Amino acid sequence: MKINKTYLSIFLIWLVHISGLLGLLFYDFIFFASFTPINLFLTSLLLMVNQIKLHKRELFCIILIFWTGIFVEFLGVNYGLLFGEYTYGKNLGPKLFGVPFLIGMNWVILTTISGSISNYISKGRKIPSIILGSLLMLFIDFFIEPVAPTLDFWEFKDSIVPLSNYSGWLITGLLTQSFYQLLFKHKELNFSVNLYLALFVFFLFLGLKL
């Protein structure tokens, strides 16, 4: 029997996020939080399998989004630009100039899944897809920010998330969505919807419990 890679990937995404959520809430918070790099790596791998074809333009797009994410975070961490003053913790893995490498993949993940959903809703129209995609990215960030310090992802100065963080997310989202919508041909919907929902459920319930 041939196994459908999309359905298998969706199963793994939900398995990882639900088991991680239950582990954080009811078992050993520090232990499960330390697995964040592995979780992000697995999610990135599944994204590559489902979203990315071996086309030069799409690979260029992914690299462009990755380094755009690293660059804006470099500006934020080192100069307080775009997002405000903040620092990264240990649970996102190795850093370059204060920015975890995995945060670049985080921008890739959020851009591609939000972009796939917005492209479907907007019926392929570029400008609406770019705007809606960036708003979907901003929406999920509202649920990530409250739990980020507890997970030792990042923390803002005085533990207050400034409004500039959200405007910075919107600006960066508009930029990365422009890359995605203009350069990316293959936009896989089912995997993207499930990963977006898994992230939403994970951070929503974690935020309600903490």
N, C-alpha and C. Protein backbone atom coordinates (compact mmCIF):
# COMPACT_ATOMS: atom_id res chain seq x y z
N MET A 1 0.85 -1.20 0.00
CA MET A 1 0.00 0.00 0.00
C MET A 1 0.89 1.25 0.00
N LYS A 2 0.64 2.15 -0.92
CA LYS A 2 1.42 3.37 -1.02
C LYS A 2 0.96 4.37 0.03
N ILE A 3 1.91 4.91 0.77
CA ILE A 3 1.60 5.88 1.81
C ILE A 3 1.63 7.28 1.22
N ASN A 4 0.55 8.03 1.42
CA ASN A 4 0.48 9.40 0.95
C ASN A 4 1.36 10.29 1.83
N LYS A 5 2.34 10.95 1.22
CA LYS A 5 3.31 11.73 2.00
C LYS A 5 2.65 12.91 2.72
N THR A 6 1.62 13.49 2.09
CA THR A 6 0.94 14.62 2.71
C THR A 6 0.21 14.20 3.97
N TYR A 7 -0.55 13.10 3.89
CA TYR A 7 -1.29 12.62 5.06
C TYR A 7 -0.35 12.17 6.17
N LEU A 8 0.75 11.52 5.80
CA LEU A 8 1.73 11.11 6.79
C LEU A 8 2.35 12.33 7.47
N SER A 9 2.66 13.35 6.68
CA SER A 9 3.25 14.57 7.22
C SER A 9 2.28 15.28 8.16
N ILE A 10 1.01 15.31 7.77
CA ILE A 10 -0.01 15.94 8.62
C ILE A 10 -0.14 15.19 9.94
N PHE A 11 -0.13 13.86 9.88
CA PHE A 11 -0.20 13.05 11.10
C PHE A 11 0.99 13.36 12.01
N LEU A 12 2.19 13.44 11.44
CA LEU A 12 3.39 13.71 12.23
C LEU A 12 3.35 15.11 12.85
N ILE A 13 2.86 16.07 12.09
CA ILE A 13 2.76 17.44 12.60
C ILE A 13 1.86 17.50 13.83
N TRP A 14 0.68 16.88 13.73
CA TRP A 14 -0.24 16.89 14.87
C TRP A 14 0.31 16.08 16.03
N LEU A 15 0.95 14.96 15.73
CA LEU A 15 1.53 14.12 16.78
C LEU A 15 2.58 14.89 17.57
N VAL A 16 3.47 15.55 16.87
CA VAL A 16 4.56 16.29 17.52
C VAL A 16 4.01 17.45 18.35
N HIS A 17 3.07 18.20 17.80
CA HIS A 17 2.57 19.39 18.50
C HIS A 17 1.66 19.04 19.68
N ILE A 18 0.81 18.04 19.51
CA ILE A 18 -0.07 17.65 20.61
C ILE A 18 0.72 16.98 21.73
N SER A 19 1.64 16.09 21.38
CA SER A 19 2.45 15.44 22.41
C SER A 19 3.35 16.46 23.11
N GLY A 20 3.88 17.41 22.35
CA GLY A 20 4.69 18.48 22.95
C GLY A 20 3.87 19.34 23.89
N LEU A 21 2.66 19.67 23.49
CA LEU A 21 1.77 20.48 24.33
C LEU A 21 1.44 19.76 25.63
N LEU A 22 1.07 18.49 25.52
CA LEU A 22 0.74 17.71 26.72
C LEU A 22 1.96 17.55 27.63
N GLY A 23 3.12 17.35 27.02
CA GLY A 23 4.34 17.22 27.82
C GLY A 23 4.67 18.50 28.57
N LEU A 24 4.51 19.65 27.90
CA LEU A 24 4.78 20.94 28.53
C LEU A 24 3.80 21.23 29.66
N LEU A 25 2.55 20.88 29.45
CA LEU A 25 1.51 21.22 30.41
C LEU A 25 1.45 20.27 31.61
N PHE A 26 1.70 18.99 31.35
CA PHE A 26 1.41 18.01 32.40
C PHE A 26 2.59 17.14 32.83
N TYR A 27 3.73 17.26 32.15
CA TYR A 27 4.83 16.38 32.53
C TYR A 27 6.05 17.19 32.99
N ASP A 28 6.96 17.48 32.09
CA ASP A 28 8.21 18.16 32.46
C ASP A 28 8.43 19.32 31.49
N PHE A 29 8.10 20.53 31.94
CA PHE A 29 8.13 21.71 31.07
C PHE A 29 9.53 21.95 30.51
N ILE A 30 10.53 21.98 31.37
CA ILE A 30 11.90 22.28 30.93
C ILE A 30 12.40 21.23 29.94
N PHE A 31 12.11 19.97 30.22
CA PHE A 31 12.56 18.88 29.36
C PHE A 31 11.96 19.01 27.96
N PHE A 32 10.65 19.22 27.87
CA PHE A 32 9.99 19.29 26.57
C PHE A 32 10.33 20.59 25.84
N ALA A 33 10.51 21.68 26.58
CA ALA A 33 10.88 22.94 25.94
C ALA A 33 12.25 22.85 25.28
N SER A 34 13.12 22.02 25.85
CA SER A 34 14.48 21.86 25.29
C SER A 34 14.48 21.15 23.95
N PHE A 35 13.34 20.52 23.59
CA PHE A 35 13.24 19.82 22.31
C PHE A 35 12.79 20.74 21.17
N THR A 36 12.66 22.02 21.44
CA THR A 36 12.21 22.97 20.42
C THR A 36 13.04 22.92 19.14
N PRO A 37 14.38 22.90 19.21
CA PRO A 37 15.15 22.82 17.96
C PRO A 37 14.82 21.59 17.12
N ILE A 38 14.61 20.45 17.78
CA ILE A 38 14.27 19.22 17.06
C ILE A 38 12.89 19.36 16.42
N ASN A 39 11.96 19.93 17.15
CA ASN A 39 10.61 20.16 16.64
C ASN A 39 10.64 21.05 15.40
N LEU A 40 11.38 22.16 15.50
CA LEU A 40 11.48 23.08 14.37
C LEU A 40 12.18 22.45 13.18
N PHE A 41 13.20 21.65 13.45
CA PHE A 41 13.92 20.97 12.37
C PHE A 41 13.00 19.97 11.66
N LEU A 42 12.24 19.18 12.43
CA LEU A 42 11.31 18.22 11.84
C LEU A 42 10.24 18.93 11.03
N THR A 43 9.70 20.01 11.59
CA THR A 43 8.68 20.79 10.88
C THR A 43 9.23 21.34 9.58
N SER A 44 10.47 21.84 9.62
CA SER A 44 11.11 22.37 8.41
C SER A 44 11.30 21.28 7.37
N LEU A 45 11.70 20.10 7.82
CA LEU A 45 11.91 18.97 6.91
C LEU A 45 10.60 18.56 6.24
N LEU A 46 9.53 18.48 7.02
CA LEU A 46 8.22 18.13 6.47
C LEU A 46 7.72 19.21 5.51
N LEU A 47 8.03 20.45 5.83
CA LEU A 47 7.67 21.55 4.93
C LEU A 47 8.38 21.40 3.60
N MET A 48 9.67 21.09 3.65
CA MET A 48 10.45 20.91 2.42
C MET A 48 9.86 19.79 1.56
N VAL A 49 9.49 18.71 2.20
CA VAL A 49 8.95 17.55 1.48
C VAL A 49 7.64 17.90 0.79
N ASN A 50 6.81 18.71 1.44
CA ASN A 50 5.46 18.96 0.93
C ASN A 50 5.34 20.23 0.09
N GLN A 51 6.14 21.24 0.40
CA GLN A 51 5.96 22.53 -0.26
C GLN A 51 6.94 22.79 -1.39
N ILE A 52 8.15 22.30 -1.24
CA ILE A 52 9.22 22.77 -2.11
C ILE A 52 9.59 21.75 -3.17
N LYS A 53 9.52 22.17 -4.41
CA LYS A 53 9.99 21.37 -5.53
C LYS A 53 11.42 21.82 -5.89
N LEU A 54 12.13 20.95 -6.56
CA LEU A 54 13.52 21.27 -6.89
C LEU A 54 13.62 22.18 -8.10
N HIS A 55 12.99 23.34 -7.98
CA HIS A 55 13.08 24.37 -9.01
C HIS A 55 13.99 25.48 -8.49
N LYS A 56 14.83 26.01 -9.37
CA LYS A 56 15.78 27.03 -8.95
C LYS A 56 15.07 28.24 -8.36
N ARG A 57 13.94 28.62 -8.96
CA ARG A 57 13.26 29.83 -8.49
C ARG A 57 12.70 29.64 -7.08
N GLU A 58 12.16 28.44 -6.79
CA GLU A 58 11.59 28.19 -5.47
C GLU A 58 12.68 28.05 -4.42
N LEU A 59 13.77 27.41 -4.77
CA LEU A 59 14.89 27.30 -3.84
C LEU A 59 15.49 28.68 -3.54
N PHE A 60 15.58 29.50 -4.56
CA PHE A 60 16.05 30.87 -4.38
C PHE A 60 15.12 31.64 -3.45
N CYS A 61 13.81 31.42 -3.61
CA CYS A 61 12.81 32.08 -2.78
C CYS A 61 12.98 31.70 -1.31
N ILE A 62 13.17 30.40 -1.05
CA ILE A 62 13.35 29.93 0.32
C ILE A 62 14.60 30.54 0.94
N ILE A 63 15.70 30.55 0.18
CA ILE A 63 16.94 31.14 0.68
C ILE A 63 16.76 32.63 0.96
N LEU A 64 16.03 33.30 0.07
CA LEU A 64 15.78 34.74 0.22
C LEU A 64 14.97 35.02 1.48
N ILE A 65 13.92 34.24 1.71
CA ILE A 65 13.10 34.42 2.91
C ILE A 65 13.91 34.12 4.17
N PHE A 66 14.69 33.04 4.11
CA PHE A 66 15.52 32.66 5.27
C PHE A 66 16.45 33.79 5.68
N TRP A 67 17.20 34.32 4.73
CA TRP A 67 18.18 35.35 5.07
C TRP A 67 17.54 36.70 5.34
N THR A 68 16.38 36.94 4.76
CA THR A 68 15.62 38.15 5.13
C THR A 68 15.23 38.07 6.60
N GLY A 69 14.73 36.89 7.02
CA GLY A 69 14.38 36.69 8.41
C GLY A 69 15.57 36.88 9.34
N ILE A 70 16.71 36.29 8.97
CA ILE A 70 17.92 36.43 9.78
C ILE A 70 18.34 37.90 9.86
N PHE A 71 18.26 38.61 8.73
CA PHE A 71 18.70 40.01 8.69
C PHE A 71 17.83 40.92 9.56
N VAL A 72 16.51 40.79 9.43
CA VAL A 72 15.64 41.67 10.23
C VAL A 72 15.78 41.36 11.72
N GLU A 73 15.99 40.08 12.05
CA GLU A 73 16.19 39.72 13.45
C GLU A 73 17.54 40.23 13.96
N PHE A 74 18.54 40.24 13.10
CA PHE A 74 19.84 40.83 13.45
C PHE A 74 19.68 42.31 13.78
N LEU A 75 18.90 43.02 12.97
CA LEU A 75 18.65 44.44 13.23
C LEU A 75 17.91 44.62 14.55
N GLY A 76 16.98 43.71 14.82
CA GLY A 76 16.20 43.81 16.05
C GLY A 76 17.03 43.52 17.29
N VAL A 77 17.76 42.42 17.27
CA VAL A 77 18.53 41.99 18.45
C VAL A 77 19.67 42.95 18.75
N ASN A 78 20.35 43.43 17.71
CA ASN A 78 21.56 44.22 17.92
C ASN A 78 21.33 45.73 17.95
N TYR A 79 20.25 46.20 17.31
CA TYR A 79 20.03 47.64 17.23
C TYR A 79 18.63 48.07 17.67
N GLY A 80 17.78 47.13 18.04
CA GLY A 80 16.43 47.48 18.49
C GLY A 80 15.52 47.98 17.38
N LEU A 81 15.87 47.70 16.13
CA LEU A 81 15.08 48.17 15.00
C LEU A 81 13.93 47.20 14.68
N LEU A 82 12.87 47.73 14.11
CA LEU A 82 11.69 47.00 13.64
C LEU A 82 10.83 46.43 14.77
N PHE A 83 11.42 45.58 15.62
CA PHE A 83 10.61 44.85 16.60
C PHE A 83 10.71 45.40 18.02
N GLY A 84 11.73 46.18 18.31
CA GLY A 84 11.97 46.63 19.67
C GLY A 84 13.23 45.97 20.23
N GLU A 85 13.48 46.17 21.52
CA GLU A 85 14.67 45.62 22.16
C GLU A 85 14.37 44.26 22.78
N TYR A 86 15.07 43.24 22.33
CA TYR A 86 14.84 41.89 22.84
C TYR A 86 16.11 41.06 22.65
N THR A 87 16.14 39.92 23.33
CA THR A 87 17.24 38.97 23.19
C THR A 87 16.68 37.56 23.08
N TYR A 88 17.43 36.69 22.42
CA TYR A 88 17.02 35.30 22.27
C TYR A 88 17.56 34.45 23.42
N GLY A 89 16.76 33.46 23.81
CA GLY A 89 17.17 32.51 24.84
C GLY A 89 17.94 31.35 24.23
N LYS A 90 18.01 30.24 24.97
CA LYS A 90 18.81 29.10 24.55
C LYS A 90 18.02 28.05 23.76
N ASN A 91 16.70 28.05 23.88
CA ASN A 91 15.93 26.92 23.35
C ASN A 91 15.72 26.92 21.84
N LEU A 92 16.22 27.94 21.15
CA LEU A 92 16.14 27.94 19.69
C LEU A 92 17.46 27.54 19.03
N GLY A 93 18.42 27.12 19.86
CA GLY A 93 19.64 26.56 19.30
C GLY A 93 20.73 27.58 19.01
N PRO A 94 21.76 27.16 18.22
CA PRO A 94 22.94 27.99 17.94
C PRO A 94 22.58 29.32 17.29
N LYS A 95 23.39 30.35 17.59
CA LYS A 95 23.11 31.70 17.11
C LYS A 95 24.25 32.23 16.25
N LEU A 96 23.91 33.17 15.40
CA LEU A 96 24.87 33.95 14.62
C LEU A 96 24.58 35.41 14.89
N PHE A 97 25.53 36.12 15.53
CA PHE A 97 25.33 37.52 15.93
C PHE A 97 24.06 37.69 16.76
N GLY A 98 23.81 36.72 17.64
CA GLY A 98 22.67 36.82 18.54
C GLY A 98 21.37 36.29 18.00
N VAL A 99 21.36 35.83 16.74
CA VAL A 99 20.13 35.34 16.09
C VAL A 99 20.24 33.84 15.85
N PRO A 100 19.32 33.04 16.38
CA PRO A 100 19.35 31.60 16.12
C PRO A 100 19.15 31.29 14.64
N PHE A 101 19.91 30.33 14.11
CA PHE A 101 19.73 29.93 12.72
C PHE A 101 18.29 29.46 12.47
N LEU A 102 17.71 28.79 13.45
CA LEU A 102 16.36 28.24 13.27
C LEU A 102 15.30 29.32 13.12
N ILE A 103 15.60 30.54 13.56
CA ILE A 103 14.60 31.60 13.42
C ILE A 103 14.41 31.95 11.94
N GLY A 104 15.47 31.74 11.15
CA GLY A 104 15.33 31.94 9.71
C GLY A 104 14.35 30.94 9.12
N MET A 105 14.43 29.68 9.58
CA MET A 105 13.48 28.66 9.12
C MET A 105 12.09 28.94 9.64
N ASN A 106 12.00 29.55 10.80
CA ASN A 106 10.69 29.92 11.33
C ASN A 106 9.99 30.91 10.41
N TRP A 107 10.75 31.86 9.89
CA TRP A 107 10.18 32.81 8.93
C TRP A 107 9.78 32.10 7.64
N VAL A 108 10.57 31.14 7.22
CA VAL A 108 10.22 30.36 6.02
C VAL A 108 8.92 29.59 6.25
N ILE A 109 8.82 28.93 7.40
CA ILE A 109 7.63 28.13 7.71
C ILE A 109 6.38 29.01 7.73
N LEU A 110 6.42 30.10 8.50
CA LEU A 110 5.24 30.95 8.63
C LEU A 110 4.88 31.63 7.32
N THR A 111 5.89 32.01 6.54
CA THR A 111 5.62 32.64 5.25
C THR A 111 4.95 31.68 4.29
N THR A 112 5.47 30.47 4.17
CA THR A 112 4.94 29.53 3.18
C THR A 112 3.55 29.01 3.54
N ILE A 113 3.33 28.67 4.82
CA ILE A 113 2.00 28.13 5.16
C ILE A 113 0.95 29.23 5.12
N SER A 114 1.29 30.43 5.58
CA SER A 114 0.34 31.55 5.51
C SER A 114 0.10 31.95 4.06
N GLY A 115 1.17 31.91 3.27
CA GLY A 115 1.05 32.26 1.85
C GLY A 115 0.21 31.28 1.06
N SER A 116 0.32 30.00 1.38
CA SER A 116 -0.49 28.99 0.70
C SER A 116 -1.97 29.19 0.99
N ILE A 117 -2.27 29.46 2.26
CA ILE A 117 -3.66 29.67 2.67
C ILE A 117 -4.22 30.94 2.03
N SER A 118 -3.46 32.03 2.08
CA SER A 118 -3.94 33.29 1.53
C SER A 118 -4.08 33.22 0.01
N ASN A 119 -3.20 32.48 -0.64
CA ASN A 119 -3.29 32.30 -2.09
C ASN A 119 -4.58 31.58 -2.48
N TYR A 120 -4.96 30.59 -1.68
CA TYR A 120 -6.21 29.85 -1.94
C TYR A 120 -7.43 30.75 -1.70
N ILE A 121 -7.44 31.46 -0.59
CA ILE A 121 -8.57 32.33 -0.27
C ILE A 121 -8.71 33.44 -1.29
N SER A 122 -7.58 33.99 -1.71
CA SER A 122 -7.59 35.12 -2.66
C SER A 122 -7.66 34.68 -4.11
N LYS A 123 -7.77 33.36 -4.32
CA LYS A 123 -7.89 32.79 -5.67
C LYS A 123 -6.72 33.18 -6.57
N GLY A 124 -5.53 33.21 -5.98
CA GLY A 124 -4.33 33.44 -6.77
C GLY A 124 -4.01 34.88 -7.09
N ARG A 125 -4.83 35.82 -6.64
CA ARG A 125 -4.55 37.23 -6.90
C ARG A 125 -3.40 37.69 -6.00
N LYS A 126 -2.39 38.26 -6.61
CA LYS A 126 -1.12 38.50 -5.92
C LYS A 126 -1.24 39.49 -4.76
N ILE A 127 -1.76 40.68 -5.01
CA ILE A 127 -1.79 41.71 -3.97
C ILE A 127 -2.64 41.27 -2.77
N PRO A 128 -3.88 40.79 -2.98
CA PRO A 128 -4.66 40.30 -1.83
C PRO A 128 -3.96 39.15 -1.10
N SER A 129 -3.29 38.28 -1.84
CA SER A 129 -2.58 37.16 -1.22
C SER A 129 -1.44 37.65 -0.33
N ILE A 130 -0.72 38.65 -0.80
CA ILE A 130 0.39 39.20 -0.02
C ILE A 130 -0.12 39.84 1.27
N ILE A 131 -1.19 40.63 1.15
CA ILE A 131 -1.73 41.32 2.33
C ILE A 131 -2.31 40.32 3.33
N LEU A 132 -3.14 39.40 2.85
CA LEU A 132 -3.76 38.42 3.74
C LEU A 132 -2.71 37.51 4.37
N GLY A 133 -1.72 37.10 3.58
CA GLY A 133 -0.66 36.25 4.10
C GLY A 133 0.09 36.90 5.24
N SER A 134 0.40 38.19 5.09
CA SER A 134 1.12 38.90 6.15
C SER A 134 0.25 39.06 7.40
N LEU A 135 -1.06 39.23 7.21
CA LEU A 135 -1.98 39.33 8.35
C LEU A 135 -2.10 37.99 9.08
N LEU A 136 -2.08 36.89 8.34
CA LEU A 136 -2.10 35.57 8.97
C LEU A 136 -0.83 35.33 9.80
N MET A 137 0.29 35.81 9.31
CA MET A 137 1.54 35.70 10.06
C MET A 137 1.48 36.54 11.33
N LEU A 138 0.94 37.74 11.21
CA LEU A 138 0.80 38.62 12.37
C LEU A 138 -0.15 38.02 13.40
N PHE A 139 -1.23 37.40 12.92
CA PHE A 139 -2.23 36.80 13.81
C PHE A 139 -1.61 35.71 14.68
N ILE A 140 -0.82 34.83 14.07
CA ILE A 140 -0.23 33.74 14.86
C ILE A 140 0.80 34.28 15.85
N ASP A 141 1.44 35.40 15.50
CA ASP A 141 2.42 35.98 16.42
C ASP A 141 1.77 36.48 17.71
N PHE A 142 0.51 36.92 17.64
CA PHE A 142 -0.19 37.36 18.84
C PHE A 142 -0.26 36.25 19.89
N PHE A 143 -0.27 35.00 19.44
CA PHE A 143 -0.36 33.87 20.36
C PHE A 143 1.01 33.34 20.76
N ILE A 144 2.02 33.62 19.93
CA ILE A 144 3.38 33.17 20.25
C ILE A 144 4.02 34.06 21.31
N GLU A 145 3.84 35.37 21.17
CA GLU A 145 4.54 36.33 22.04
C GLU A 145 4.33 36.10 23.54
N PRO A 146 3.10 35.83 24.01
CA PRO A 146 2.92 35.68 25.47
C PRO A 146 3.68 34.51 26.08
N VAL A 147 3.94 33.46 25.29
CA VAL A 147 4.59 32.27 25.85
C VAL A 147 6.07 32.18 25.49
N ALA A 148 6.53 33.04 24.59
CA ALA A 148 7.94 32.98 24.14
C ALA A 148 8.94 33.09 25.29
N PRO A 149 8.77 34.02 26.25
CA PRO A 149 9.75 34.10 27.34
C PRO A 149 9.75 32.85 28.22
N THR A 150 8.57 32.28 28.49
CA THR A 150 8.47 31.09 29.33
C THR A 150 9.16 29.90 28.67
N LEU A 151 9.08 29.83 27.34
CA LEU A 151 9.73 28.75 26.59
C LEU A 151 11.21 29.04 26.34
N ASP A 152 11.67 30.18 26.82
CA ASP A 152 13.06 30.63 26.60
C ASP A 152 13.37 30.75 25.11
N PHE A 153 12.38 31.28 24.36
CA PHE A 153 12.59 31.59 22.94
C PHE A 153 13.26 32.95 22.82
N TRP A 154 12.54 33.98 23.30
CA TRP A 154 13.07 35.34 23.32
C TRP A 154 12.32 36.14 24.37
N GLU A 155 12.87 37.28 24.75
CA GLU A 155 12.22 38.14 25.74
C GLU A 155 12.55 39.59 25.45
N PHE A 156 11.52 40.43 25.54
CA PHE A 156 11.69 41.86 25.30
C PHE A 156 12.16 42.57 26.57
N LYS A 157 12.75 43.72 26.37
CA LYS A 157 13.20 44.55 27.48
C LYS A 157 12.03 44.86 28.41
N ASP A 158 12.24 44.71 29.71
CA ASP A 158 11.23 44.94 30.74
C ASP A 158 10.03 44.00 30.60
N SER A 159 10.20 42.92 29.82
CA SER A 159 9.15 41.89 29.64
C SER A 159 7.86 42.46 29.06
N ILE A 160 7.99 43.54 28.29
CA ILE A 160 6.82 44.17 27.65
C ILE A 160 7.00 44.10 26.14
N VAL A 161 6.01 43.51 25.45
CA VAL A 161 6.05 43.43 23.98
C VAL A 161 5.57 44.77 23.42
N PRO A 162 6.45 45.53 22.76
CA PRO A 162 6.05 46.84 22.24
C PRO A 162 5.19 46.72 20.98
N LEU A 163 4.45 47.77 20.70
CA LEU A 163 3.64 47.79 19.48
C LEU A 163 4.52 47.70 18.24
N SER A 164 5.76 48.19 18.35
CA SER A 164 6.67 48.14 17.20
C SER A 164 6.94 46.70 16.78
N ASN A 165 6.83 45.75 17.71
CA ASN A 165 7.02 44.34 17.35
C ASN A 165 6.00 43.91 16.31
N TYR A 166 4.75 44.32 16.51
CA TYR A 166 3.69 43.90 15.60
C TYR A 166 3.77 44.63 14.26
N SER A 167 4.14 45.91 14.30
CA SER A 167 4.33 46.63 13.04
C SER A 167 5.53 46.05 12.29
N GLY A 168 6.57 45.65 13.04
CA GLY A 168 7.73 45.01 12.42
C GLY A 168 7.37 43.69 11.78
N TRP A 169 6.53 42.91 12.46
CA TRP A 169 6.06 41.64 11.90
C TRP A 169 5.27 41.88 10.62
N LEU A 170 4.42 42.89 10.63
CA LEU A 170 3.60 43.17 9.46
C LEU A 170 4.47 43.60 8.28
N ILE A 171 5.42 44.47 8.53
CA ILE A 171 6.31 44.94 7.45
C ILE A 171 7.13 43.78 6.89
N THR A 172 7.72 42.99 7.78
CA THR A 172 8.52 41.85 7.33
C THR A 172 7.65 40.82 6.63
N GLY A 173 6.44 40.61 7.15
CA GLY A 173 5.51 39.68 6.52
C GLY A 173 5.13 40.11 5.11
N LEU A 174 4.90 41.40 4.92
CA LEU A 174 4.59 41.91 3.58
C LEU A 174 5.75 41.66 2.62
N LEU A 175 6.97 41.82 3.13
CA LEU A 175 8.16 41.61 2.29
C LEU A 175 8.32 40.13 1.93
N THR A 176 8.27 39.25 2.93
CA THR A 176 8.48 37.82 2.65
C THR A 176 7.31 37.23 1.86
N GLN A 177 6.11 37.74 2.10
CA GLN A 177 4.96 37.28 1.31
C GLN A 177 5.08 37.71 -0.15
N SER A 178 5.66 38.88 -0.37
CA SER A 178 5.88 39.33 -1.75
C SER A 178 6.83 38.37 -2.47
N PHE A 179 7.90 37.98 -1.79
CA PHE A 179 8.82 37.00 -2.38
C PHE A 179 8.07 35.71 -2.70
N TYR A 180 7.32 35.24 -1.72
CA TYR A 180 6.64 33.94 -1.86
C TYR A 180 5.60 33.96 -2.98
N GLN A 181 4.75 34.96 -2.97
CA GLN A 181 3.65 35.00 -3.94
C GLN A 181 4.15 35.23 -5.37
N LEU A 182 5.25 35.93 -5.51
CA LEU A 182 5.77 36.24 -6.85
C LEU A 182 6.70 35.16 -7.39
N LEU A 183 7.39 34.44 -6.51
CA LEU A 183 8.41 33.49 -6.97
C LEU A 183 8.00 32.03 -6.84
N PHE A 184 7.06 31.74 -5.96
CA PHE A 184 6.72 30.35 -5.65
C PHE A 184 5.55 29.88 -6.49
N LYS A 185 5.71 28.76 -7.17
CA LYS A 185 4.62 28.21 -7.98
C LYS A 185 3.82 27.16 -7.22
N HIS A 186 4.53 26.25 -6.54
CA HIS A 186 3.87 25.13 -5.86
C HIS A 186 3.41 25.56 -4.47
N LYS A 187 2.09 25.65 -4.27
CA LYS A 187 1.53 26.07 -2.98
C LYS A 187 0.60 24.98 -2.47
N GLU A 188 1.14 24.11 -1.61
CA GLU A 188 0.40 22.94 -1.11
C GLU A 188 -0.51 23.38 0.04
N LEU A 189 -1.82 23.18 -0.13
CA LEU A 189 -2.79 23.74 0.82
C LEU A 189 -3.01 22.87 2.05
N ASN A 190 -3.24 21.57 1.88
CA ASN A 190 -3.64 20.72 3.01
C ASN A 190 -2.61 20.71 4.13
N PHE A 191 -1.35 20.53 3.77
CA PHE A 191 -0.30 20.53 4.79
C PHE A 191 -0.22 21.89 5.47
N SER A 192 -0.32 22.96 4.69
CA SER A 192 -0.21 24.32 5.23
C SER A 192 -1.31 24.62 6.23
N VAL A 193 -2.55 24.25 5.89
CA VAL A 193 -3.68 24.50 6.79
C VAL A 193 -3.49 23.74 8.10
N ASN A 194 -3.08 22.49 8.01
CA ASN A 194 -2.91 21.68 9.21
C ASN A 194 -1.76 22.17 10.09
N LEU A 195 -0.67 22.57 9.48
CA LEU A 195 0.45 23.09 10.27
C LEU A 195 0.07 24.41 10.93
N TYR A 196 -0.63 25.27 10.21
CA TYR A 196 -1.07 26.54 10.79
C TYR A 196 -2.00 26.30 11.97
N LEU A 197 -2.95 25.38 11.81
CA LEU A 197 -3.88 25.06 12.89
C LEU A 197 -3.16 24.42 14.07
N ALA A 198 -2.19 23.55 13.79
CA ALA A 198 -1.43 22.90 14.87
C ALA A 198 -0.66 23.94 15.68
N LEU A 199 -0.06 24.90 15.00
CA LEU A 199 0.66 25.97 15.70
C LEU A 199 -0.31 26.83 16.51
N PHE A 200 -1.46 27.14 15.92
CA PHE A 200 -2.47 27.94 16.61
C PHE A 200 -2.94 27.25 17.89
N VAL A 201 -3.29 25.97 17.78
CA VAL A 201 -3.76 25.19 18.93
C VAL A 201 -2.67 25.11 20.00
N PHE A 202 -1.45 24.83 19.57
CA PHE A 202 -0.32 24.70 20.50
C PHE A 202 -0.13 25.96 21.33
N PHE A 203 0.00 27.10 20.67
CA PHE A 203 0.28 28.34 21.39
C PHE A 203 -0.94 28.88 22.12
N LEU A 204 -2.13 28.65 21.58
CA LEU A 204 -3.35 29.10 22.25
C LEU A 204 -3.50 28.41 23.60
N PHE A 205 -3.47 27.08 23.61
CA PHE A 205 -3.70 26.34 24.85
C PHE A 205 -2.53 26.48 25.82
N LEU A 206 -1.33 26.60 25.29
CA LEU A 206 -0.18 26.83 26.17
C LEU A 206 -0.30 28.19 26.85
N GLY A 207 -0.73 29.19 26.08
CA GLY A 207 -0.91 30.53 26.63
C GLY A 207 -2.02 30.59 27.66
N LEU A 208 -3.09 29.84 27.46
CA LEU A 208 -4.20 29.83 28.41
C LEU A 208 -3.81 29.16 29.72
N LYS A 209 -2.92 28.18 29.64
CA LYS A 209 -2.54 27.41 30.82
C LYS A 209 -1.45 28.11 31.64
N LEU A 210 -0.55 28.80 30.96
CA LEU A 210 0.59 29.40 31.68
C LEU A 210 0.20 30.68 32.40
